[in-house]
């Protein structure tokens, strides 16, 4: 069911101006803004709820940091790619 929310006139004018700059109807612009904020809040909630779930002892490969681990796996040969290349030349 739709709700009516009263907002200050100054804010309404600013939202109208921004919506016009985006070439969107004001209501669509405001709904997009609200959805962006809802998604951001859900992500924050998820991060708060998962705090402490990641234990360093469960991921020893990251002992030297995630960047070092990513660099290590990027520098390793990609066997799947090598296999695919061999298949194409045969």
Protein backbone atom coordinates (compact mmCIF):
# COMPACT_ATOMS: atom_id res chain seq x y z
CA UNK A 1 0.00 0.00 0.00
CA UNK A 2 1.48 3.39 -0.97
CA UNK A 3 2.43 5.73 1.84
CA UNK A 4 2.42 9.49 1.94
CA UNK A 5 5.50 10.99 3.52
CA UNK A 6 5.71 14.67 4.32
CA UNK A 7 9.08 16.24 3.61
CA UNK A 8 10.29 19.82 4.01
CA UNK A 9 9.54 22.04 1.03
CA UNK A 10 13.21 22.89 0.57
CA UNK A 11 14.05 19.16 0.26
CA UNK A 12 11.16 18.62 -2.17
CA UNK A 13 12.41 21.47 -4.34
CA UNK A 14 15.94 20.06 -4.33
CA UNK A 15 14.68 16.57 -5.24
CA UNK A 16 12.63 18.04 -8.07
CA UNK A 17 15.69 19.89 -9.36
CA UNK A 18 17.87 16.77 -9.22
CA UNK A 19 15.19 14.62 -10.86
CA UNK A 20 14.89 17.12 -13.69
CA UNK A 21 18.68 17.08 -14.16
CA UNK A 22 18.51 13.28 -14.45
CA UNK A 23 15.51 13.61 -16.80
CA UNK A 24 13.38 11.42 -14.54
CA UNK A 25 9.98 12.00 -13.02
CA UNK A 26 10.45 13.12 -9.41
CA UNK A 27 8.68 10.07 -7.96
CA UNK A 28 10.89 7.66 -9.96
CA UNK A 29 14.00 9.57 -8.94
CA UNK A 30 13.05 9.43 -5.26
CA UNK A 31 12.21 5.70 -5.45
CA UNK A 32 15.64 5.05 -7.02
CA UNK A 33 17.32 7.01 -4.22
CA UNK A 34 15.42 5.09 -1.59
CA UNK A 35 16.28 1.72 -3.15
CA UNK A 36 19.96 2.67 -3.24
CA UNK A 37 19.84 3.54 0.43
CA UNK A 38 17.93 0.37 1.33
CA UNK A 39 20.53 -1.77 -0.49
CA UNK A 40 23.35 0.08 1.30
CA UNK A 41 21.69 -0.44 4.68
CA UNK A 42 21.12 -4.14 3.96
CA UNK A 43 24.79 -4.50 3.09
CA UNK A 44 25.79 -2.76 6.32
CA UNK A 45 23.44 -5.02 8.26
CA UNK A 46 24.97 -8.09 6.62
CA UNK A 47 28.45 -6.88 7.50
CA UNK A 48 27.42 -6.27 11.11
CA UNK A 49 25.79 -9.70 11.38
CA UNK A 50 28.77 -11.48 9.87
CA UNK A 51 31.38 -9.70 11.99
CA UNK A 52 33.68 -12.29 13.50
CA UNK A 53 32.55 -15.10 11.19
CA UNK A 54 35.83 -15.05 9.27
CA UNK A 55 38.54 -16.65 11.39
CA UNK A 56 42.22 -16.32 10.38
CA UNK A 57 42.92 -19.91 11.42
CA UNK A 58 40.37 -21.09 8.86
CA UNK A 59 42.24 -19.29 6.05
CA UNK A 60 46.00 -19.74 6.51
CA UNK A 61 46.51 -18.90 2.83
CA UNK A 62 45.73 -15.28 3.74
CA UNK A 63 48.31 -15.05 6.55
CA UNK A 64 50.43 -12.65 4.48
CA UNK A 65 47.40 -10.63 3.42
CA UNK A 66 44.82 -10.99 0.69
CA UNK A 67 46.86 -8.96 -1.82
CA UNK A 68 49.81 -11.34 -1.48
CA UNK A 69 47.52 -14.34 -1.93
CA UNK A 70 45.89 -12.88 -5.03
CA UNK A 71 49.30 -12.08 -6.51
CA UNK A 72 50.44 -15.65 -5.81
CA UNK A 73 47.48 -17.27 -7.53
CA UNK A 74 47.71 -14.85 -10.44
CA UNK A 75 51.34 -15.77 -10.98
CA UNK A 76 50.61 -19.51 -11.05
CA UNK A 77 50.10 -21.11 -14.46
CA UNK A 78 46.50 -21.51 -15.45
CA UNK A 79 46.28 -25.19 -16.29
CA UNK A 80 42.78 -24.88 -17.72
CA UNK A 81 43.96 -22.20 -20.15
CA UNK A 82 47.00 -24.27 -21.09
CA UNK A 83 44.82 -27.34 -21.67
CA UNK A 84 42.40 -25.35 -23.82
CA UNK A 85 45.24 -23.95 -25.90
CA UNK A 86 46.69 -27.44 -26.42
CA UNK A 87 43.26 -28.72 -27.54
CA UNK A 88 43.04 -25.99 -30.17
CA UNK A 89 46.42 -26.82 -31.66
CA UNK A 90 45.81 -30.56 -31.89
